[in-house]
C-alpha atoms as a PDB file:
ATOM      1  CA  UNK A   1      27.427  11.588  -2.391  1.00  0.00           C
ATOM      2  CA  UNK A   2      27.934  14.572  -0.131  1.00  0.00           C
ATOM      3  CA  UNK A   3      25.290  16.501  -2.034  1.00  0.00           C
ATOM      4  CA  UNK A   4      22.794  13.689  -1.526  1.00  0.00           C
ATOM      5  CA  UNK A   5      23.674  13.549   2.167  1.00  0.00           C
ATOM      6  CA  UNK A   6      23.150  17.313   2.457  1.00  0.00           C
ATOM      7  CA  UNK A   7      19.845  17.058   0.625  1.00  0.00           C
ATOM      8  CA  UNK A   8      18.569  14.256   2.869  1.00  0.00           C
ATOM      9  CA  UNK A   9      19.671  15.943   6.095  1.00  0.00           C
ATOM     10  CA  UNK A  10      18.145  19.273   5.048  1.00  0.00           C
ATOM     11  CA  UNK A  11      14.847  17.615   4.178  1.00  0.00           C
ATOM     12  CA  UNK A  12      14.859  15.642   7.441  1.00  0.00           C
ATOM     13  CA  UNK A  13      15.524  18.823   9.420  1.00  0.00           C
ATOM     14  CA  UNK A  14      12.642  20.503   7.617  1.00  0.00           C
ATOM     15  CA  UNK A  15      10.281  17.613   8.271  1.00  0.00           C
ATOM     16  CA  UNK A  16      11.217  17.481  11.939  1.00  0.00           C
ATOM     17  CA  UNK A  17      10.796  21.223  12.244  1.00  0.00           C
ATOM     18  CA  UNK A  18       7.322  21.081  10.705  1.00  0.00           C
ATOM     19  CA  UNK A  19       6.194  18.492  13.236  1.00  0.00           C
ATOM     20  CA  UNK A  20       7.795  20.148  16.278  1.00  0.00           C
ATOM     21  CA  UNK A  21       7.186  23.869  15.706  1.00  0.00           C
ATOM     22  CA  UNK A  22       3.612  23.917  16.992  1.00  0.00           C
ATOM     23  CA  UNK A  23       4.077  21.644  19.995  1.00  0.00           C
ATOM     24  CA  UNK A  24       4.675  23.168  23.432  1.00  0.00           C
ATOM     25  CA  UNK A  25       4.452  26.748  22.170  1.00  0.00           C
ATOM     26  CA  UNK A  26       6.782  28.701  22.159  1.00  0.00           C
ATOM     27  CA  UNK A  27       9.402  26.103  23.121  1.00  0.00           C
ATOM     28  CA  UNK A  28       8.706  23.900  20.096  1.00  0.00           C
ATOM     29  CA  UNK A  29       9.244  26.868  17.805  1.00  0.00           C
ATOM     30  CA  UNK A  30      12.541  27.751  19.496  1.00  0.00           C
ATOM     31  CA  UNK A  31      13.685  24.124  19.430  1.00  0.00           C
ATOM     32  CA  UNK A  32      12.925  23.734  15.737  1.00  0.00           C
ATOM     33  CA  UNK A  33      14.768  26.948  14.835  1.00  0.00           C
ATOM     34  CA  UNK A  34      17.801  26.077  16.954  1.00  0.00           C
ATOM     35  CA  UNK A  35      17.899  22.560  15.488  1.00  0.00           C
ATOM     36  CA  UNK A  36      17.678  23.995  11.971  1.00  0.00           C
ATOM     37  CA  UNK A  37      20.591  26.380  12.427  1.00  0.00           C
ATOM     38  CA  UNK A  38      22.706  23.822  14.245  1.00  0.00           C
ATOM     39  CA  UNK A  39      21.973  21.008  11.802  1.00  0.00           C
ATOM     40  CA  UNK A  40      22.676  23.011   8.664  1.00  0.00           C
ATOM     41  CA  UNK A  41      25.787  24.585  10.150  1.00  0.00           C
ATOM     42  CA  UNK A  42      27.094  21.163  11.195  1.00  0.00           C
ATOM     43  CA  UNK A  43      26.824  19.892   7.614  1.00  0.00           C
ATOM     44  CA  UNK A  44      29.306  22.541   6.568  1.00  0.00           C
ATOM     45  CA  UNK A  45      31.446  21.706   9.583  1.00  0.00           C
ATOM     46  CA  UNK A  46      31.491  18.008   8.663  1.00  0.00           C
ATOM     47  CA  UNK A  47      32.050  18.294   4.914  1.00  0.00           C
ATOM     48  CA  UNK A  48      33.867  21.649   4.874  1.00  0.00           C
ATOM     49  CA  UNK A  49      31.915  23.643   2.356  1.00  0.00           C
ATOM     50  CA  UNK A  50      29.311  26.354   2.101  1.00  0.00           C
ATOM     51  CA  UNK A  51      27.878  24.655  -0.967  1.00  0.00           C
ATOM     52  CA  UNK A  52      26.670  21.704   1.105  1.00  0.00           C
ATOM     53  CA  UNK A  53      25.046  24.024   3.613  1.00  0.00           C
ATOM     54  CA  UNK A  54      23.295  25.816   0.767  1.00  0.00           C
ATOM     55  CA  UNK A  55      21.963  22.523  -0.615  1.00  0.00           C
ATOM     56  CA  UNK A  56      20.672  21.551   2.839  1.00  0.00           C
ATOM     57  CA  UNK A  57      19.101  24.988   3.326  1.00  0.00           C
ATOM     58  CA  UNK A  58      17.323  24.770  -0.032  1.00  0.00           C
ATOM     59  CA  UNK A  59      16.032  21.284   0.808  1.00  0.00           C
ATOM     60  CA  UNK A  60      14.803  22.586   4.195  1.00  0.00           C
ATOM     61  CA  UNK A  61      13.114  25.531   2.484  1.00  0.00           C
ATOM     62  CA  UNK A  62      11.440  23.262  -0.082  1.00  0.00           C
ATOM     63  CA  UNK A  63       9.953  21.062   2.658  1.00  0.00           C
ATOM     64  CA  UNK A  64       8.747  24.066   4.651  1.00  0.00           C
ATOM     65  CA  UNK A  65       7.146  25.773   1.672  1.00  0.00           C
ATOM     66  CA  UNK A  66       5.464  22.519   0.622  1.00  0.00           C
ATOM     67  CA  UNK A  67       4.119  22.017   4.152  1.00  0.00           C
ATOM     68  CA  UNK A  68       2.544  25.477   3.999  1.00  0.00           C
ATOM     69  CA  UNK A  69       0.406  24.579   0.997  1.00  0.00           C
ATOM     70  CA  UNK A  70      -2.760  22.463   1.301  1.00  0.00           C
ATOM     71  CA  UNK A  71      -2.419  18.716   0.806  1.00  0.00           C
ATOM     72  CA  UNK A  72      -4.737  16.338  -1.017  1.00  0.00           C
ATOM     73  CA  UNK A  73      -7.298  16.495   1.798  1.00  0.00           C
ATOM     74  CA  UNK A  74      -6.995  20.309   2.030  1.00  0.00           C
ATOM     75  CA  UNK A  75      -5.043  20.040   5.298  1.00  0.00           C
ATOM     76  CA  UNK A  76      -2.183  22.345   6.268  1.00  0.00           C
ATOM     77  CA  UNK A  77       0.863  21.186   8.218  1.00  0.00           C
ATOM     78  CA  UNK A  78       1.844  24.793   8.936  1.00  0.00           C
ATOM     79  CA  UNK A  79      -1.245  26.743   9.913  1.00  0.00           C
ATOM     80  CA  UNK A  80      -1.796  30.477   9.657  1.00  0.00           C
ATOM     81  CA  UNK A  81      -1.551  30.959  13.409  1.00  0.00           C
ATOM     82  CA  UNK A  82       1.006  33.320  14.967  1.00  0.00           C
ATOM     83  CA  UNK A  83       3.257  30.323  15.695  1.00  0.00           C
ATOM     84  CA  UNK A  84       3.042  29.093  12.094  1.00  0.00           C
ATOM     85  CA  UNK A  85       3.677  32.501  10.584  1.00  0.00           C
ATOM     86  CA  UNK A  86       6.568  33.090  12.993  1.00  0.00           C
ATOM     87  CA  UNK A  87       7.997  29.719  12.020  1.00  0.00           C
ATOM     88  CA  UNK A  88       7.924  30.578   8.321  1.00  0.00           C
ATOM     89  CA  UNK A  89       9.446  34.026   8.771  1.00  0.00           C
ATOM     90  CA  UNK A  90      12.018  33.236  11.447  1.00  0.00           C
ATOM     91  CA  UNK A  91      12.952  29.968   9.766  1.00  0.00           C
ATOM     92  CA  UNK A  92      13.816  31.753   6.548  1.00  0.00           C
ATOM     93  CA  UNK A  93      15.853  34.301   8.504  1.00  0.00           C
ATOM     94  CA  UNK A  94      17.657  31.548  10.431  1.00  0.00           C
ATOM     95  CA  UNK A  95      18.935  30.046   7.200  1.00  0.00           C
ATOM     96  CA  UNK A  96      21.186  33.040   6.635  1.00  0.00           C
ATOM     97  CA  UNK A  97      23.452  32.573   9.662  1.00  0.00           C
ATOM     98  CA  UNK A  98      23.357  28.798   9.173  1.00  0.00           C
ATOM     99  CA  UNK A  99      24.790  29.160   5.683  1.00  0.00           C
ATOM    100  CA  UNK A 100      26.973  32.233   6.155  1.00  0.00           C
ATOM    101  CA  UNK A 101      28.688  31.455   9.464  1.00  0.00           C
ATOM    102  CA  UNK A 102      32.220  30.150   9.033  1.00  0.00           C
ATOM    103  CA  UNK A 103      32.569  26.394   9.460  1.00  0.00           C
END
């Protein structure tokens, strides 16, 4: 059950980050990255394990990578703008401290 919870929270954090990262630039980008690190770290704090943080981080990464590919109508949720590229790169780098910091 904890794995499912971690998976759902990681995917929800990823979905929220996709929708917020491009609004109110650069504050939306900063907010989405801070929320990602805090949310994934808090999963490990709540359930007491790095494994749950890793599951949430992988779910977040799956949502982000999927949002970077074109959809059925050839639309992109993460565009190739400097904000979008920064979100992809910095988001992947922010997963490291979120998973590796002690709970």
